[in-house]
Amino acid sequence: MSTEVRMPKASPIVTIDSLDLEAQGVARQSNEEGGKVLFIRGALPTEQVTYTITREKARFAKAKLHELIKPAVYRTTPRCTYFGVCGGCSMQHLDFAAQIAMKQRVLEDDLWHIGRIKPDEILRPIAGPAWHYRHRGRLSVIDRSIKKGTILVGFHEHNSSYVADMLTCEV
């Protein structure tokens, strides 16, 4: 009996149009590929990427970034070593000014798409410090005393019920 290892099929290159509320890049497949809306974790607007589909529905697909072909000018190296694993923050790969602009754009898009609200005037965002700003968070506690003799307190890993084992948090 032979076992066949299936490699994920290579996707065509797509250009990311926008970010959604979870900081996933939003793109659209070509009609030949199915024409679905793609939510690509790790991708930023204006970037050209290939992707691997992780979950598929009738009208959309969730995917992860496979290869970054052309990065956005505002892409930066995340400061936190746990970025991508920990679910506590999702925009550290954007420089701070771009984070503020993207969050405002997401808010404006949501106001329009959900409530059909188009503000007459948009005030400048009020921005605090880029790091060590969080004073509230949704932490979980895991009792590992039976196996390891410890208790783990932290954020959940991204899309997981597991708690990220971290020593520090930059936010």
Protein backbone atom coordinates (compact mmCIF):
# COMPACT_ATOMS: atom_id res chain seq x y z
CA MET A 1 0.00 0.00 0.00
CA SER A 2 1.47 3.34 -0.98
CA THR A 3 0.68 6.57 0.77
CA GLU A 4 0.49 9.68 -1.28
CA VAL A 5 1.37 13.02 0.26
CA ARG A 6 -0.73 15.79 -1.23
CA MET A 7 0.90 19.16 -1.49
CA PRO A 8 -1.43 22.16 -1.45
CA LYS A 9 -2.07 23.33 -4.98
CA ALA A 10 -0.27 26.55 -5.86
CA SER A 11 -2.61 29.49 -6.12
CA PRO A 12 -2.43 32.19 -8.75
CA ILE A 13 -1.09 35.58 -7.70
CA VAL A 14 -3.75 37.92 -6.29
CA THR A 15 -3.58 41.59 -5.32
CA ILE A 16 -4.98 42.44 -1.89
CA ASP A 17 -7.70 45.12 -2.03
CA SER A 18 -8.36 45.87 1.63
CA LEU A 19 -8.29 44.62 5.23
CA ASP A 20 -11.23 43.16 7.12
CA LEU A 21 -12.04 43.66 10.79
CA GLU A 22 -9.70 40.79 11.76
CA ALA A 23 -6.78 42.34 9.81
CA GLN A 24 -6.97 39.73 7.06
CA GLY A 25 -6.22 40.80 3.51
CA VAL A 26 -9.29 40.78 1.26
CA ALA A 27 -8.98 39.81 -2.41
CA ARG A 28 -11.13 38.18 -5.06
CA GLN A 29 -10.37 35.10 -7.11
CA SER A 30 -10.66 35.38 -10.86
CA ASN A 31 -13.88 34.02 -12.38
CA GLU A 32 -11.90 31.07 -13.75
CA GLU A 33 -10.84 30.22 -10.19
CA GLY A 34 -14.39 30.51 -8.83
CA GLY A 35 -14.73 34.24 -8.19
CA LYS A 36 -14.83 33.84 -4.41
CA VAL A 37 -13.88 36.51 -1.92
CA LEU A 38 -10.63 35.54 -0.20
CA PHE A 39 -9.68 36.42 3.38
CA ILE A 40 -5.91 35.93 3.54
CA ARG A 41 -4.26 35.97 6.96
CA GLY A 42 -1.00 37.92 6.93
CA ALA A 43 -1.62 39.81 3.67
CA LEU A 44 -1.88 43.61 3.44
CA PRO A 45 -3.58 45.95 0.93
CA THR A 46 -1.66 46.53 -2.33
CA GLU A 47 0.42 43.38 -1.84
CA GLN A 48 0.67 40.66 -4.44
CA VAL A 49 0.61 37.22 -2.85
CA THR A 50 -0.02 33.55 -3.37
CA TYR A 51 -2.13 31.77 -0.79
CA THR A 52 -3.15 28.39 0.59
CA ILE A 53 -6.86 27.87 1.28
CA THR A 54 -7.54 26.70 4.83
CA ARG A 55 -11.35 26.78 4.82
CA GLU A 56 -13.75 27.03 1.92
CA LYS A 57 -17.41 28.05 1.83
CA ALA A 58 -19.79 28.62 -1.08
CA ARG A 59 -19.08 32.36 -1.50
CA PHE A 60 -15.76 32.90 0.27
CA ALA A 61 -12.59 31.17 1.37
CA LYS A 62 -10.21 31.68 4.28
CA ALA A 63 -6.56 31.32 3.43
CA LYS A 64 -3.09 31.89 4.76
CA LEU A 65 -0.32 33.75 3.02
CA HIS A 66 1.84 31.30 1.08
CA GLU A 67 4.30 33.61 -0.66
CA LEU A 68 4.72 37.37 -0.58
CA ILE A 69 5.45 38.38 -4.19
CA LYS A 70 5.32 42.18 -3.83
CA PRO A 71 5.21 43.61 -0.27
CA ALA A 72 3.39 46.80 0.70
CA VAL A 73 5.58 49.83 1.46
CA TYR A 74 4.12 50.00 4.98
CA ARG A 75 4.88 46.35 5.85
CA THR A 76 7.27 46.11 8.79
CA THR A 77 8.90 43.38 10.85
CA PRO A 78 6.70 42.62 13.88
CA ARG A 79 8.36 43.63 17.15
CA CYS A 80 6.81 40.77 19.13
CA THR A 81 8.39 37.33 18.77
CA TYR A 82 4.96 35.75 19.34
CA PHE A 83 3.24 37.62 16.49
CA GLY A 84 1.40 35.16 14.28
CA VAL A 85 1.01 32.61 17.06
CA CYS A 86 -0.61 34.71 19.78
CA GLY A 87 -4.08 36.02 18.99
CA GLY A 88 -3.68 39.15 21.15
CA CYS A 89 -2.79 41.47 18.27
CA SER A 90 -3.03 41.20 14.51
CA MET A 91 -1.52 44.32 12.94
CA GLN A 92 2.12 44.36 14.04
CA HIS A 93 3.24 43.73 10.45
CA LEU A 94 1.96 47.25 9.62
CA ASP A 95 3.87 50.36 10.62
CA PHE A 96 2.06 52.37 13.29
CA ALA A 97 0.73 55.18 11.05
CA ALA A 98 -0.64 52.58 8.62
CA GLN A 99 -2.31 50.71 11.51
CA ILE A 100 -4.20 53.86 12.51
CA ALA A 101 -5.23 54.57 8.91
CA MET A 102 -6.36 50.96 8.31
CA LYS A 103 -8.39 50.87 11.53
CA GLN A 104 -10.14 54.09 10.53
CA ARG A 105 -10.84 52.73 7.04
CA VAL A 106 -12.27 49.50 8.49
CA LEU A 107 -14.53 51.54 10.80
CA GLU A 108 -15.77 53.70 7.92
CA ASP A 109 -16.41 50.62 5.74
CA ASP A 110 -18.30 48.87 8.53
CA LEU A 111 -20.42 51.95 9.26
CA TRP A 112 -21.43 52.03 5.60
CA HIS A 113 -21.89 48.29 4.94
CA ILE A 114 -23.69 47.49 8.20
CA GLY A 115 -25.57 50.68 9.01
CA ARG A 116 -25.56 52.63 5.72
CA ILE A 117 -24.00 55.51 7.66
CA LYS A 118 -21.76 57.96 5.81
CA PRO A 119 -20.39 60.63 8.20
CA ASP A 120 -20.42 64.24 6.96
CA GLU A 121 -17.14 64.91 8.72
CA ILE A 122 -14.41 62.55 9.89
CA LEU A 123 -12.21 63.77 12.70
CA ARG A 124 -8.54 62.95 12.95
CA PRO A 125 -7.94 59.76 14.96
CA ILE A 126 -6.65 60.06 18.50
CA ALA A 127 -3.63 57.77 18.78
CA GLY A 128 -1.83 56.73 21.93
CA PRO A 129 1.58 55.09 22.19
CA ALA A 130 2.50 52.36 19.70
CA TRP A 131 3.68 49.91 22.39
CA HIS A 132 2.70 48.94 25.94
CA TYR A 133 -0.67 50.65 25.60
CA ARG A 134 -3.06 47.86 26.51
CA HIS A 135 -4.59 48.09 29.97
CA ARG A 136 -7.33 45.56 29.36
CA GLY A 137 -7.28 42.17 27.69
CA ARG A 138 -9.14 38.88 27.51
CA LEU A 139 -6.78 36.42 29.18
CA SER A 140 -7.26 32.72 29.85
CA VAL A 141 -5.95 30.63 32.71
CA ILE A 142 -4.86 27.02 32.19
CA ASP A 143 -3.99 24.78 35.14
CA ARG A 144 -1.01 22.67 34.07
CA SER A 145 -0.16 21.61 37.62
CA ILE A 146 -0.81 17.91 36.98
CA LYS A 147 1.72 17.60 34.13
CA LYS A 148 4.10 20.52 34.57
CA GLY A 149 3.39 21.93 38.01
CA THR A 150 2.49 25.38 36.63
CA ILE A 151 -0.41 27.61 35.76
CA LEU A 152 -0.43 29.37 32.38
CA VAL A 153 -2.05 32.79 31.98
CA GLY A 154 -2.18 34.45 28.57
CA PHE A 155 -3.92 35.17 25.29
CA HIS A 156 -5.32 32.39 23.15
CA GLU A 157 -3.28 31.34 20.16
CA HIS A 158 -4.71 32.61 16.87
CA ASN A 159 -7.90 30.67 15.94
CA SER A 160 -7.32 28.17 18.73
CA SER A 161 -8.48 27.21 22.19
CA TYR A 162 -4.85 26.83 23.30
CA VAL A 163 -3.20 29.51 25.40
CA ALA A 164 0.02 30.98 23.99
CA ASP A 165 2.98 30.24 26.27
CA MET A 166 4.63 33.69 26.32
CA LEU A 167 7.15 35.40 28.55
CA THR A 168 6.40 39.00 27.51
CA CYS A 169 3.77 41.03 25.68
CA GLU A 170 4.67 44.14 23.68
CA VAL A 171 1.19 45.63 23.75
